[in-house]
Amino acid sequence: MGSPADLVARLKELGATVATAESLTGGQVAARVTGVPGSSAVYAGGVVSYMTEVKVSVLGVRPATVAEHGVVSAQCAREMAEGVRRLLGTTYAVSTTGVAGPDRQEGKPVGTVFVGVAGPGGVQSFELALDGDRATIQHASVAAALSALADMIGSDGRPAEDSGLR
């Protein structure tokens, strides 16, 4: 299930839906999914939560999470995925948060990215350490988010053992 088209086809087979919550990717995950004809049958929508306030007020990221871990964290990625899944009532959700550059954020280097995935079996996140310019980091983050989502869907909603999710 490597491509967005494969992902959409699998969601259709399962009668499942998906939503996105994006920060550093700015809607690019949503664009890849909605670029597939027929994706409206499975893609409910998404939230581009670039500002911390939107993560908290719209997605329900806990202020304590932001204070304790920051928005560039595994905890924030998980809460973003859970929040958009709850908000839009979907089967699955995927989130991205991180540092695309050119400057460090919250003491974290450029290329630090967290992807969250949520489904019937729970929520997980994983960290990426990417190199490159802003566009390269965003592109790699989108690919990682789609891959993580495909892994979760391929394992009937539970994080795959070998997916690198934790």
N, C-alpha and C. Protein backbone atom coordinates (compact mmCIF):
# COMPACT_ATOMS: atom_id res chain seq x y z
N MET A 1 0.85 -1.17 0.00
CA MET A 1 0.00 0.00 0.00
C MET A 1 0.90 1.24 0.00
N GLY A 2 1.66 1.42 -1.07
CA GLY A 2 2.66 2.47 -1.08
C GLY A 2 2.20 3.84 -1.53
N SER A 3 1.20 3.93 -2.36
CA SER A 3 0.80 5.21 -2.92
C SER A 3 -0.47 5.74 -2.27
N PRO A 4 -0.73 7.04 -2.42
CA PRO A 4 -2.00 7.57 -1.93
C PRO A 4 -3.20 6.86 -2.56
N ALA A 5 -3.08 6.47 -3.83
CA ALA A 5 -4.18 5.75 -4.49
C ALA A 5 -4.43 4.40 -3.81
N ASP A 6 -3.36 3.70 -3.46
CA ASP A 6 -3.50 2.43 -2.73
C ASP A 6 -4.15 2.65 -1.37
N LEU A 7 -3.75 3.71 -0.71
CA LEU A 7 -4.30 4.05 0.61
C LEU A 7 -5.80 4.31 0.51
N VAL A 8 -6.20 5.11 -0.46
CA VAL A 8 -7.62 5.41 -0.66
C VAL A 8 -8.39 4.14 -0.99
N ALA A 9 -7.83 3.30 -1.85
CA ALA A 9 -8.50 2.04 -2.21
C ALA A 9 -8.69 1.15 -0.98
N ARG A 10 -7.67 1.07 -0.13
CA ARG A 10 -7.78 0.23 1.08
C ARG A 10 -8.82 0.79 2.04
N LEU A 11 -8.86 2.10 2.21
CA LEU A 11 -9.87 2.71 3.06
C LEU A 11 -11.27 2.42 2.53
N LYS A 12 -11.43 2.48 1.21
CA LYS A 12 -12.74 2.16 0.61
C LYS A 12 -13.12 0.72 0.88
N GLU A 13 -12.16 -0.20 0.72
CA GLU A 13 -12.42 -1.63 0.99
C GLU A 13 -12.92 -1.84 2.42
N LEU A 14 -12.33 -1.10 3.34
CA LEU A 14 -12.66 -1.25 4.76
C LEU A 14 -13.90 -0.45 5.17
N GLY A 15 -14.37 0.42 4.28
CA GLY A 15 -15.46 1.31 4.65
C GLY A 15 -15.02 2.30 5.72
N ALA A 16 -13.75 2.68 5.67
CA ALA A 16 -13.15 3.53 6.70
C ALA A 16 -12.93 4.95 6.18
N THR A 17 -12.72 5.86 7.12
CA THR A 17 -12.47 7.26 6.79
C THR A 17 -11.20 7.74 7.47
N VAL A 18 -10.68 8.87 6.98
CA VAL A 18 -9.44 9.41 7.52
C VAL A 18 -9.51 10.93 7.57
N ALA A 19 -8.76 11.50 8.50
CA ALA A 19 -8.61 12.94 8.62
C ALA A 19 -7.14 13.26 8.87
N THR A 20 -6.77 14.51 8.65
CA THR A 20 -5.39 14.94 8.83
C THR A 20 -5.31 16.15 9.76
N ALA A 21 -4.23 16.22 10.52
CA ALA A 21 -3.89 17.39 11.34
C ALA A 21 -2.43 17.71 11.04
N GLU A 22 -2.19 18.84 10.42
CA GLU A 22 -0.85 19.14 9.94
C GLU A 22 -0.33 20.47 10.48
N SER A 23 0.94 20.47 10.80
CA SER A 23 1.62 21.70 11.16
C SER A 23 2.70 21.97 10.13
N LEU A 24 3.86 21.36 10.25
CA LEU A 24 4.97 21.71 9.35
C LEU A 24 4.69 21.37 7.89
N THR A 25 3.78 20.46 7.60
CA THR A 25 3.49 20.09 6.21
C THR A 25 2.41 20.98 5.60
N GLY A 26 1.75 21.79 6.38
CA GLY A 26 0.85 22.83 5.86
C GLY A 26 -0.23 22.38 4.90
N GLY A 27 -0.76 21.20 5.06
CA GLY A 27 -1.82 20.72 4.19
C GLY A 27 -1.36 19.81 3.06
N GLN A 28 -0.07 19.53 3.01
CA GLN A 28 0.45 18.71 1.91
C GLN A 28 0.03 17.24 2.00
N VAL A 29 -0.17 16.73 3.21
CA VAL A 29 -0.67 15.35 3.34
C VAL A 29 -2.08 15.30 2.78
N ALA A 30 -2.91 16.26 3.17
CA ALA A 30 -4.28 16.33 2.65
C ALA A 30 -4.29 16.45 1.13
N ALA A 31 -3.40 17.26 0.59
CA ALA A 31 -3.33 17.43 -0.86
C ALA A 31 -2.99 16.13 -1.58
N ARG A 32 -2.08 15.34 -1.01
CA ARG A 32 -1.72 14.06 -1.62
C ARG A 32 -2.90 13.10 -1.62
N VAL A 33 -3.65 13.06 -0.51
CA VAL A 33 -4.81 12.16 -0.42
C VAL A 33 -5.91 12.64 -1.36
N THR A 34 -6.21 13.93 -1.32
CA THR A 34 -7.32 14.44 -2.14
C THR A 34 -6.97 14.54 -3.62
N GLY A 35 -5.72 14.34 -3.95
CA GLY A 35 -5.33 14.27 -5.35
C GLY A 35 -5.77 12.98 -6.02
N VAL A 36 -6.25 12.03 -5.24
CA VAL A 36 -6.71 10.74 -5.76
C VAL A 36 -8.19 10.85 -6.10
N PRO A 37 -8.57 10.54 -7.35
CA PRO A 37 -9.99 10.55 -7.69
C PRO A 37 -10.78 9.61 -6.77
N GLY A 38 -11.90 10.08 -6.29
CA GLY A 38 -12.74 9.26 -5.42
C GLY A 38 -12.38 9.34 -3.95
N SER A 39 -11.37 10.14 -3.61
CA SER A 39 -10.95 10.24 -2.21
C SER A 39 -12.02 10.87 -1.33
N SER A 40 -12.98 11.56 -1.92
CA SER A 40 -14.05 12.17 -1.12
C SER A 40 -14.89 11.12 -0.39
N ALA A 41 -14.81 9.88 -0.83
CA ALA A 41 -15.53 8.79 -0.15
C ALA A 41 -14.87 8.41 1.17
N VAL A 42 -13.61 8.78 1.35
CA VAL A 42 -12.88 8.35 2.55
C VAL A 42 -12.21 9.48 3.32
N TYR A 43 -11.96 10.61 2.67
CA TYR A 43 -11.26 11.71 3.33
C TYR A 43 -12.28 12.71 3.86
N ALA A 44 -12.37 12.80 5.19
CA ALA A 44 -13.36 13.69 5.82
C ALA A 44 -12.92 15.15 5.79
N GLY A 45 -11.63 15.39 5.99
CA GLY A 45 -11.12 16.75 6.05
C GLY A 45 -9.89 16.81 6.91
N GLY A 46 -9.43 18.04 7.13
CA GLY A 46 -8.23 18.21 7.92
C GLY A 46 -8.13 19.58 8.54
N VAL A 47 -7.17 19.71 9.42
CA VAL A 47 -6.89 20.97 10.10
C VAL A 47 -5.41 21.27 9.92
N VAL A 48 -5.11 22.45 9.37
CA VAL A 48 -3.74 22.92 9.34
C VAL A 48 -3.58 23.79 10.58
N SER A 49 -2.88 23.25 11.54
CA SER A 49 -2.74 23.91 12.85
C SER A 49 -1.33 24.44 13.01
N TYR A 50 -1.01 25.45 12.25
CA TYR A 50 0.34 25.99 12.25
C TYR A 50 0.65 26.72 13.56
N MET A 51 -0.35 27.40 14.11
CA MET A 51 -0.17 28.12 15.37
C MET A 51 -0.50 27.22 16.56
N THR A 52 0.25 27.38 17.62
CA THR A 52 0.02 26.60 18.83
C THR A 52 -1.41 26.74 19.32
N GLU A 53 -1.96 27.95 19.26
CA GLU A 53 -3.32 28.20 19.74
C GLU A 53 -4.35 27.34 19.01
N VAL A 54 -4.12 27.08 17.73
CA VAL A 54 -5.04 26.24 16.96
C VAL A 54 -4.91 24.78 17.39
N LYS A 55 -3.70 24.36 17.66
CA LYS A 55 -3.51 22.99 18.16
C LYS A 55 -4.32 22.79 19.44
N VAL A 56 -4.31 23.79 20.31
CA VAL A 56 -4.99 23.70 21.60
C VAL A 56 -6.50 23.88 21.44
N SER A 57 -6.92 24.97 20.78
CA SER A 57 -8.36 25.31 20.76
C SER A 57 -9.17 24.47 19.79
N VAL A 58 -8.59 24.05 18.69
CA VAL A 58 -9.34 23.28 17.69
C VAL A 58 -9.11 21.77 17.86
N LEU A 59 -7.85 21.37 18.00
CA LEU A 59 -7.54 19.95 18.06
C LEU A 59 -7.58 19.37 19.47
N GLY A 60 -7.59 20.23 20.46
CA GLY A 60 -7.66 19.74 21.83
C GLY A 60 -6.34 19.29 22.42
N VAL A 61 -5.23 19.74 21.83
CA VAL A 61 -3.94 19.45 22.45
C VAL A 61 -3.94 20.14 23.83
N ARG A 62 -3.56 19.40 24.84
CA ARG A 62 -3.61 19.93 26.20
C ARG A 62 -2.53 21.00 26.42
N PRO A 63 -2.91 22.12 27.02
CA PRO A 63 -1.90 23.14 27.33
C PRO A 63 -0.74 22.56 28.15
N ALA A 64 -1.03 21.59 29.00
CA ALA A 64 0.03 20.95 29.80
C ALA A 64 1.02 20.21 28.90
N THR A 65 0.53 19.62 27.81
CA THR A 65 1.42 18.94 26.86
C THR A 65 2.36 19.95 26.22
N VAL A 66 1.80 21.09 25.80
CA VAL A 66 2.61 22.13 25.18
C VAL A 66 3.65 22.65 26.17
N ALA A 67 3.23 22.89 27.40
CA ALA A 67 4.15 23.42 28.42
C ALA A 67 5.25 22.43 28.78
N GLU A 68 4.88 21.16 28.89
CA GLU A 68 5.83 20.15 29.35
C GLU A 68 6.72 19.60 28.23
N HIS A 69 6.13 19.39 27.05
CA HIS A 69 6.87 18.72 25.97
C HIS A 69 7.11 19.59 24.75
N GLY A 70 6.32 20.66 24.58
CA GLY A 70 6.41 21.50 23.39
C GLY A 70 5.53 20.98 22.28
N VAL A 71 5.40 21.78 21.23
CA VAL A 71 4.59 21.35 20.09
C VAL A 71 5.36 20.45 19.14
N VAL A 72 6.67 20.48 19.23
CA VAL A 72 7.51 19.57 18.44
C VAL A 72 7.84 18.39 19.34
N SER A 73 6.87 17.48 19.46
CA SER A 73 7.03 16.35 20.38
C SER A 73 6.13 15.19 19.97
N ALA A 74 6.49 14.02 20.43
CA ALA A 74 5.68 12.83 20.19
C ALA A 74 4.31 12.99 20.83
N GLN A 75 4.29 13.56 22.02
CA GLN A 75 3.02 13.74 22.73
C GLN A 75 2.08 14.64 21.96
N CYS A 76 2.60 15.75 21.44
CA CYS A 76 1.77 16.67 20.66
C CYS A 76 1.26 15.99 19.39
N ALA A 77 2.12 15.24 18.70
CA ALA A 77 1.69 14.54 17.48
C ALA A 77 0.56 13.57 17.78
N ARG A 78 0.66 12.84 18.88
CA ARG A 78 -0.41 11.91 19.25
C ARG A 78 -1.71 12.65 19.55
N GLU A 79 -1.62 13.72 20.32
CA GLU A 79 -2.82 14.47 20.68
C GLU A 79 -3.45 15.15 19.46
N MET A 80 -2.63 15.58 18.51
CA MET A 80 -3.16 16.16 17.27
C MET A 80 -3.95 15.11 16.50
N ALA A 81 -3.38 13.91 16.36
CA ALA A 81 -4.06 12.83 15.63
C ALA A 81 -5.35 12.43 16.32
N GLU A 82 -5.29 12.27 17.63
CA GLU A 82 -6.51 11.93 18.38
C GLU A 82 -7.55 13.03 18.26
N GLY A 83 -7.09 14.27 18.32
CA GLY A 83 -8.01 15.40 18.28
C GLY A 83 -8.75 15.52 16.97
N VAL A 84 -8.04 15.39 15.85
CA VAL A 84 -8.72 15.52 14.56
C VAL A 84 -9.61 14.31 14.29
N ARG A 85 -9.20 13.15 14.78
CA ARG A 85 -10.04 11.95 14.63
C ARG A 85 -11.36 12.14 15.38
N ARG A 86 -11.26 12.66 16.58
CA ARG A 86 -12.46 12.92 17.40
C ARG A 86 -13.30 14.04 16.77
N LEU A 87 -12.65 15.12 16.37
CA LEU A 87 -13.34 16.28 15.80
C LEU A 87 -14.15 15.92 14.57
N LEU A 88 -13.58 15.11 13.68
CA LEU A 88 -14.24 14.79 12.42
C LEU A 88 -14.89 13.41 12.41
N GLY A 89 -14.75 12.66 13.49
CA GLY A 89 -15.43 11.38 13.61
C GLY A 89 -14.96 10.33 12.62
N THR A 90 -13.66 10.30 12.36
CA THR A 90 -13.12 9.36 11.37
C THR A 90 -12.59 8.09 12.02
N THR A 91 -12.38 7.09 11.18
CA THR A 91 -11.80 5.83 11.63
C THR A 91 -10.32 6.01 11.97
N TYR A 92 -9.62 6.73 11.12
CA TYR A 92 -8.18 6.94 11.25
C TYR A 92 -7.85 8.42 11.15
N ALA A 93 -6.67 8.77 11.64
CA ALA A 93 -6.15 10.13 11.49
C ALA A 93 -4.64 10.09 11.51
N VAL A 94 -4.04 11.08 10.87
CA VAL A 94 -2.59 11.21 10.85
C VAL A 94 -2.24 12.66 11.12
N SER A 95 -1.12 12.88 11.81
CA SER A 95 -0.69 14.24 12.12
C SER A 95 0.80 14.41 11.86
N THR A 96 1.17 15.67 11.63
CA THR A 96 2.58 16.02 11.46
C THR A 96 2.89 17.27 12.27
N THR A 97 4.02 17.27 12.94
CA THR A 97 4.52 18.45 13.64
C THR A 97 6.03 18.37 13.65
N GLY A 98 6.69 19.50 13.53
CA GLY A 98 8.15 19.46 13.51
C GLY A 98 8.77 20.77 13.10
N VAL A 99 10.05 20.70 12.78
CA VAL A 99 10.85 21.87 12.44
C VAL A 99 11.31 21.75 10.99
N ALA A 100 10.69 22.52 10.10
CA ALA A 100 11.06 22.49 8.69
C ALA A 100 12.23 23.43 8.40
N GLY A 101 12.48 24.38 9.27
CA GLY A 101 13.59 25.29 9.09
C GLY A 101 13.15 26.65 8.57
N PRO A 102 14.04 27.56 8.50
CA PRO A 102 15.49 27.38 8.59
C PRO A 102 16.06 27.42 10.01
N ASP A 103 15.23 27.78 11.00
CA ASP A 103 15.74 27.93 12.37
C ASP A 103 15.27 26.82 13.29
N ARG A 104 16.02 26.59 14.36
CA ARG A 104 15.63 25.65 15.41
C ARG A 104 14.32 26.12 16.03
N GLN A 105 13.59 25.20 16.63
CA GLN A 105 12.36 25.54 17.35
C GLN A 105 12.34 24.74 18.64
N GLU A 106 12.03 25.41 19.74
CA GLU A 106 11.97 24.76 21.05
C GLU A 106 13.27 24.00 21.36
N GLY A 107 14.38 24.51 20.85
CA GLY A 107 15.66 23.87 21.08
C GLY A 107 15.91 22.65 20.22
N LYS A 108 14.97 22.34 19.34
CA LYS A 108 15.10 21.15 18.49
C LYS A 108 15.65 21.57 17.13
N PRO A 109 16.55 20.75 16.58
CA PRO A 109 17.17 21.11 15.31
C PRO A 109 16.22 20.98 14.13
N VAL A 110 16.56 21.71 13.09
CA VAL A 110 15.84 21.60 11.83
C VAL A 110 15.85 20.15 11.39
N GLY A 111 14.71 19.65 10.94
CA GLY A 111 14.59 18.26 10.49
C GLY A 111 14.01 17.34 11.54
N THR A 112 13.78 17.85 12.75
CA THR A 112 13.12 17.05 13.79
C THR A 112 11.62 17.04 13.49
N VAL A 113 11.07 15.87 13.27
CA VAL A 113 9.66 15.74 12.88
C VAL A 113 9.03 14.61 13.68
N PHE A 114 7.78 14.81 14.06
CA PHE A 114 6.99 13.77 14.71
C PHE A 114 5.72 13.54 13.91
N VAL A 115 5.42 12.28 13.66
CA VAL A 115 4.20 11.88 12.97
C VAL A 115 3.36 11.09 13.96
N GLY A 116 2.08 11.40 14.02
CA GLY A 116 1.15 10.66 14.87
C GLY A 116 0.11 9.97 14.01
N VAL A 117 -0.31 8.80 14.42
CA VAL A 117 -1.40 8.08 13.75
C VAL A 117 -2.35 7.55 14.80
N ALA A 118 -3.63 7.68 14.51
CA ALA A 118 -4.66 7.21 15.43
C ALA A 118 -5.65 6.35 14.67
N GLY A 119 -6.12 5.30 15.33
CA GLY A 119 -7.10 4.42 14.72
C GLY A 119 -7.85 3.67 15.80
N PRO A 120 -8.66 2.70 15.40
CA PRO A 120 -9.46 1.94 16.36
C PRO A 120 -8.63 1.27 17.44
N GLY A 121 -7.38 0.93 17.13
CA GLY A 121 -6.53 0.23 18.08
C GLY A 121 -5.69 1.14 18.96
N GLY A 122 -5.80 2.44 18.79
CA GLY A 122 -5.03 3.35 19.62
C GLY A 122 -4.30 4.40 18.82
N VAL A 123 -3.38 5.06 19.47
CA VAL A 123 -2.62 6.14 18.86
C VAL A 123 -1.14 5.93 19.12
N GLN A 124 -0.32 6.25 18.13
CA GLN A 124 1.12 6.08 18.22
C GLN A 124 1.80 7.27 17.56
N SER A 125 3.08 7.41 17.80
CA SER A 125 3.86 8.44 17.12
C SER A 125 5.27 7.94 16.88
N PHE A 126 5.95 8.60 15.97
CA PHE A 126 7.36 8.29 15.78
C PHE A 126 8.10 9.55 15.37
N GLU A 127 9.39 9.51 15.60
CA GLU A 127 10.25 10.66 15.35
C GLU A 127 11.10 10.42 14.11
N LEU A 128 11.29 11.48 13.34
CA LEU A 128 12.18 11.47 12.19
C LEU A 128 13.27 12.50 12.41
N ALA A 129 14.45 12.22 11.93
CA ALA A 129 15.55 13.18 11.92
C ALA A 129 15.95 13.34 10.46
N LEU A 130 15.45 14.40 9.83
CA LEU A 130 15.60 14.58 8.39
C LEU A 130 16.64 15.65 8.07
N ASP A 131 17.25 15.51 6.91
CA ASP A 131 18.20 16.50 6.41
C ASP A 131 17.62 17.17 5.19
N GLY A 132 18.11 18.36 4.90
CA GLY A 132 17.70 19.04 3.69
C GLY A 132 17.11 20.40 3.97
N ASP A 133 16.68 21.04 2.90
CA ASP A 133 16.04 22.34 3.04
C ASP A 133 14.58 22.15 3.44
N ARG A 134 13.88 23.26 3.60
CA ARG A 134 12.50 23.24 4.07
C ARG A 134 11.61 22.35 3.20
N ALA A 135 11.69 22.52 1.89
CA ALA A 135 10.84 21.73 0.97
C ALA A 135 11.16 20.24 1.06
N THR A 136 12.43 19.90 1.16
CA THR A 136 12.84 18.50 1.26
C THR A 136 12.32 17.87 2.55
N ILE A 137 12.42 18.61 3.65
CA ILE A 137 11.93 18.11 4.94
C ILE A 137 10.42 17.93 4.90
N GLN A 138 9.71 18.89 4.33
CA GLN A 138 8.25 18.76 4.22
C GLN A 138 7.86 17.57 3.36
N HIS A 139 8.52 17.41 2.23
CA HIS A 139 8.21 16.30 1.32
C HIS A 139 8.44 14.95 2.01
N ALA A 140 9.57 14.81 2.69
CA ALA A 140 9.87 13.55 3.39
C ALA A 140 8.88 13.31 4.53
N SER A 141 8.44 14.38 5.18
CA SER A 141 7.46 14.25 6.26
C SER A 141 6.12 13.76 5.74
N VAL A 142 5.70 14.27 4.59
CA VAL A 142 4.45 13.82 3.97
C VAL A 142 4.54 12.33 3.65
N ALA A 143 5.65 11.92 3.03
CA ALA A 143 5.82 10.50 2.69
C ALA A 143 5.79 9.62 3.94
N ALA A 144 6.44 10.08 5.01
CA ALA A 144 6.46 9.31 6.25
C ALA A 144 5.07 9.22 6.87
N ALA A 145 4.32 10.31 6.81
CA ALA A 145 2.96 10.31 7.37
C ALA A 145 2.06 9.34 6.62
N LEU A 146 2.14 9.35 5.30
CA LEU A 146 1.32 8.44 4.50
C LEU A 146 1.73 6.99 4.74
N SER A 147 3.02 6.75 4.90
CA SER A 147 3.51 5.40 5.18
C SER A 147 3.03 4.91 6.54
N ALA A 148 3.11 5.77 7.55
CA ALA A 148 2.65 5.39 8.89
C ALA A 148 1.16 5.10 8.90
N LEU A 149 0.40 5.90 8.18
CA LEU A 149 -1.04 5.68 8.08
C LEU A 149 -1.32 4.35 7.38
N ALA A 150 -0.61 4.09 6.29
CA ALA A 150 -0.78 2.83 5.57
C ALA A 150 -0.43 1.64 6.46
N ASP A 151 0.63 1.77 7.26
CA ASP A 151 1.01 0.69 8.18
C ASP A 151 -0.11 0.41 9.18
N MET A 152 -0.69 1.46 9.73
CA MET A 152 -1.76 1.26 10.71
C MET A 152 -2.99 0.63 10.06
N ILE A 153 -3.36 1.12 8.90
CA ILE A 153 -4.53 0.58 8.21
C ILE A 153 -4.28 -0.87 7.80
N GLY A 154 -3.07 -1.16 7.38
CA GLY A 154 -2.72 -2.51 6.97
C GLY A 154 -2.72 -3.51 8.10
N SER A 155 -2.67 -3.01 9.33
CA SER A 155 -2.67 -3.91 10.49
C SER A 155 -4.00 -3.83 11.24
N ASP A 156 -5.07 -3.52 10.48
CA ASP A 156 -6.42 -3.47 11.05
C ASP A 156 -6.55 -2.50 12.21
N GLY A 157 -5.84 -1.38 12.10
CA GLY A 157 -6.00 -0.33 13.09
C GLY A 157 -5.04 -0.35 14.24
N ARG A 158 -4.21 -1.38 14.31
CA ARG A 158 -3.22 -1.45 15.38
C ARG A 158 -1.85 -1.11 14.79
N PRO A 159 -1.01 -0.43 15.53
CA PRO A 159 0.32 -0.14 15.02
C PRO A 159 1.05 -1.43 14.65
N ALA A 160 1.63 -1.45 13.46
CA ALA A 160 2.37 -2.62 13.01
C ALA A 160 3.64 -2.78 13.85
N GLU A 161 3.98 -4.01 14.17
CA GLU A 161 5.14 -4.28 15.03
C GLU A 161 6.44 -3.74 14.43
N ASP A 162 6.57 -3.80 13.11
CA ASP A 162 7.83 -3.40 12.49
C ASP A 162 7.76 -2.03 11.84
N SER A 163 6.76 -1.23 12.19
CA SER A 163 6.58 0.04 11.51
C SER A 163 7.47 1.15 12.06
N GLY A 164 8.11 0.92 13.19
CA GLY A 164 8.90 1.98 13.80
C GLY A 164 8.07 2.88 14.69
N LEU A 165 6.80 2.56 14.84
CA LEU A 165 5.94 3.37 15.69
C LEU A 165 6.19 3.05 17.14
N ARG A 166 6.10 4.07 17.97
CA ARG A 166 6.25 3.85 19.41
C ARG A 166 5.39 4.81 20.18
